Structure formats: C-alpha cells, structure tokens
C-alpha atoms as a PDB file:
ATOM      1  CA  MET A   1      -5.144 -23.497  20.539  1.00  0.00           C
ATOM      2  CA  ALA A   2      -6.858 -20.554  22.243  1.00  0.00           C
ATOM      3  CA  LYS A   3      -3.477 -19.077  23.219  1.00  0.00           C
ATOM      4  CA  LEU A   4      -2.332 -19.273  19.604  1.00  0.00           C
ATOM      5  CA  ILE A   5      -5.410 -17.355  18.473  1.00  0.00           C
ATOM      6  CA  LEU A   6      -4.916 -14.731  21.189  1.00  0.00           C
ATOM      7  CA  ASP A   7      -1.235 -14.337  20.268  1.00  0.00           C
ATOM      8  CA  THR A   8      -2.187 -13.897  16.626  1.00  0.00           C
ATOM      9  CA  LEU A   9      -4.717 -11.200  17.476  1.00  0.00           C
ATOM     10  CA  SER A  10      -2.658  -9.412  20.122  1.00  0.00           C
ATOM     11  CA  ILE A  11      -2.499  -5.638  20.029  1.00  0.00           C
ATOM     12  CA  LYS A  12       1.299  -5.708  20.379  1.00  0.00           C
ATOM     13  CA  ARG A  13       1.643  -7.809  17.221  1.00  0.00           C
ATOM     14  CA  VAL A  14      -0.774  -5.605  15.285  1.00  0.00           C
ATOM     15  CA  LEU A  15       1.064  -2.442  16.355  1.00  0.00           C
ATOM     16  CA  LYS A  16       4.419  -3.938  15.313  1.00  0.00           C
ATOM     17  CA  ALA A  17       2.957  -4.881  11.927  1.00  0.00           C
ATOM     18  CA  LEU A  18       1.566  -1.353  11.550  1.00  0.00           C
ATOM     19  CA  GLY A  19       4.993   0.083  12.350  1.00  0.00           C
ATOM     20  CA  TYR A  20       6.659  -2.119   9.742  1.00  0.00           C
ATOM     21  CA  SER A  21       4.059  -1.094   7.171  1.00  0.00           C
ATOM     22  CA  ILE A  22       4.674   2.579   7.873  1.00  0.00           C
ATOM     23  CA  GLN A  23       8.448   2.062   7.591  1.00  0.00           C
ATOM     24  CA  GLY A  24       8.015   0.301   4.251  1.00  0.00           C
ATOM     25  CA  THR A  25       5.757   3.033   2.918  1.00  0.00           C
ATOM     26  CA  LYS A  26       8.285   5.686   3.948  1.00  0.00           C
ATOM     27  CA  ALA A  27      11.093   3.739   2.261  1.00  0.00           C
ATOM     28  CA  ALA A  28       9.066   3.410  -0.930  1.00  0.00           C
ATOM     29  CA  PHE A  29       8.298   7.125  -0.858  1.00  0.00           C
ATOM     30  CA  ILE A  30      11.974   8.003  -0.416  1.00  0.00           C
ATOM     31  CA  HIS A  31      13.505   5.531  -2.895  1.00  0.00           C
ATOM     32  CA  GLU A  32      10.842   5.016  -5.590  1.00  0.00           C
ATOM     33  CA  PRO A  33      10.016   8.016  -7.813  1.00  0.00           C
ATOM     34  CA  ALA A  34       7.124   6.183  -9.510  1.00  0.00           C
ATOM     35  CA  PHE A  35       5.528   5.478  -6.119  1.00  0.00           C
ATOM     36  CA  ARG A  36       5.832   9.170  -5.206  1.00  0.00           C
ATOM     37  CA  GLN A  37       4.132  10.172  -8.445  1.00  0.00           C
ATOM     38  CA  GLU A  38       1.317   7.714  -7.986  1.00  0.00           C
ATOM     39  CA  LEU A  39       0.867   8.715  -4.348  1.00  0.00           C
ATOM     40  CA  ILE A  40       0.515  12.355  -5.393  1.00  0.00           C
ATOM     41  CA  ILE A  41      -2.013  11.324  -8.028  1.00  0.00           C
ATOM     42  CA  PHE A  42      -3.881   9.329  -5.371  1.00  0.00           C
ATOM     43  CA  VAL A  43      -3.999  12.331  -3.033  1.00  0.00           C
ATOM     44  CA  LEU A  44      -5.348  14.501  -5.844  1.00  0.00           C
ATOM     45  CA  LEU A  45      -7.859  12.013  -7.249  1.00  0.00           C
ATOM     46  CA  ALA A  46      -9.231  10.408  -4.067  1.00  0.00           C
ATOM     47  CA  PRO A  47     -11.383  13.465  -3.227  1.00  0.00           C
ATOM     48  CA  VAL A  48     -12.542  13.598  -6.850  1.00  0.00           C
ATOM     49  CA  ALA A  49     -13.472   9.914  -6.702  1.00  0.00           C
ATOM     50  CA  TYR A  50     -15.330  10.509  -3.457  1.00  0.00           C
ATOM     51  CA  CYS A  51     -17.302  13.377  -4.998  1.00  0.00           C
ATOM     52  CA  LEU A  52     -18.059  11.510  -8.230  1.00  0.00           C
ATOM     53  CA  GLY A  53     -19.299   8.355  -6.562  1.00  0.00           C
ATOM     54  CA  GLN A  54     -23.047   8.493  -6.043  1.00  0.00           C
ATOM     55  CA  SER A  55     -23.353   5.533  -3.702  1.00  0.00           C
ATOM     56  CA  GLY A  56     -21.049   4.127  -1.074  1.00  0.00           C
ATOM     57  CA  LEU A  57     -20.209   1.222  -3.340  1.00  0.00           C
ATOM     58  CA  GLU A  58     -19.225   3.511  -6.222  1.00  0.00           C
ATOM     59  CA  LYS A  59     -17.038   5.594  -3.922  1.00  0.00           C
ATOM     60  CA  ALA A  60     -15.377   2.474  -2.556  1.00  0.00           C
ATOM     61  CA  LEU A  61     -14.748   1.091  -6.052  1.00  0.00           C
ATOM     62  CA  LEU A  62     -13.291   4.359  -7.338  1.00  0.00           C
ATOM     63  CA  ILE A  63     -10.988   4.841  -4.354  1.00  0.00           C
ATOM     64  CA  GLY A  64     -10.186   1.121  -4.285  1.00  0.00           C
ATOM     65  CA  SER A  65      -8.997   1.256  -7.882  1.00  0.00           C
ATOM     66  CA  LEU A  66      -6.606   4.045  -6.919  1.00  0.00           C
ATOM     67  CA  LEU A  67      -5.321   1.957  -4.006  1.00  0.00           C
ATOM     68  CA  ILE A  68      -4.780  -1.012  -6.311  1.00  0.00           C
ATOM     69  CA  ILE A  69      -2.487   1.150  -8.441  1.00  0.00           C
ATOM     70  CA  LEU A  70      -0.346   1.909  -5.371  1.00  0.00           C
ATOM     71  CA  ILE A  71      -0.250  -1.755  -4.356  1.00  0.00           C
ATOM     72  CA  VAL A  72       0.767  -2.890  -7.837  1.00  0.00           C
ATOM     73  CA  GLU A  73       3.529  -0.266  -7.907  1.00  0.00           C
ATOM     74  CA  LEU A  74       4.886  -1.580  -4.604  1.00  0.00           C
ATOM     75  CA  LEU A  75       4.808  -5.142  -5.958  1.00  0.00           C
ATOM     76  CA  ASN A  76       6.553  -3.996  -9.135  1.00  0.00           C
ATOM     77  CA  SER A  77       9.263  -2.292  -7.089  1.00  0.00           C
ATOM     78  CA  ALA A  78       9.755  -5.468  -5.049  1.00  0.00           C
ATOM     79  CA  VAL A  79      10.106  -7.589  -8.202  1.00  0.00           C
ATOM     80  CA  GLU A  80      12.579  -5.096  -9.663  1.00  0.00           C
ATOM     81  CA  ALA A  81      14.659  -5.188  -6.473  1.00  0.00           C
ATOM     82  CA  ILE A  82      14.765  -8.999  -6.518  1.00  0.00           C
ATOM     83  CA  VAL A  83      15.712  -9.081 -10.194  1.00  0.00           C
ATOM     84  CA  ASP A  84      18.479  -6.548  -9.539  1.00  0.00           C
ATOM     85  CA  LEU A  85      19.838  -8.794  -6.773  1.00  0.00           C
ATOM     86  CA  VAL A  86      19.726 -11.943  -8.879  1.00  0.00           C
ATOM     87  CA  THR A  87      21.038 -10.655 -12.203  1.00  0.00           C
ATOM     88  CA  SER A  88      24.365  -9.030 -12.934  1.00  0.00           C
ATOM     89  CA  GLU A  89      24.447  -6.447 -15.668  1.00  0.00           C
END
C-alpha cells in the first residue's frame, strides 16, 4: 500500500505528466485557432484582472474565470475531435 502511494506521488511520474500537458497545450495552440484567440485574450486580461481585484480572493476568482474559459475550449475541441472521428459527413 505504501509503495503504491509513493509510486503515485513520484517525481518521475509528475514530470512525465507535466511533459504530456505541455505537449497537449502546444498541440492545441498549433491546431486550434479558437484556443489561440482565447489564450491571447487570457494573456491580455490576466494582468487587468490582477490589478482590478482588491483582495486575493477577488484576484483568484477573476483569473480563475479566465482559466475556466481555456479549459472549456480544450474540452470543446476534444468533443469536436471525437465527433469528427465517429461521424462521416
């Protein structure tokens, strides 16, 4: 049991997962125009959100809402890719 927990929390596993996440983000940036647009908007609005937030919680909520937009776009792209594989038009 302890070995399973240590394997789950190993640095090697975390670094591999980080690498896969970076690869996926690069692929989305290259192949998804909507993700590129929203990423540019995020880069422009994140500093504005940081400046507008008066408390740490407000800053986190404002920046978090921008991150949610990126996450939903990635999910939308994944659903579109699956639908394209399943359907024939």
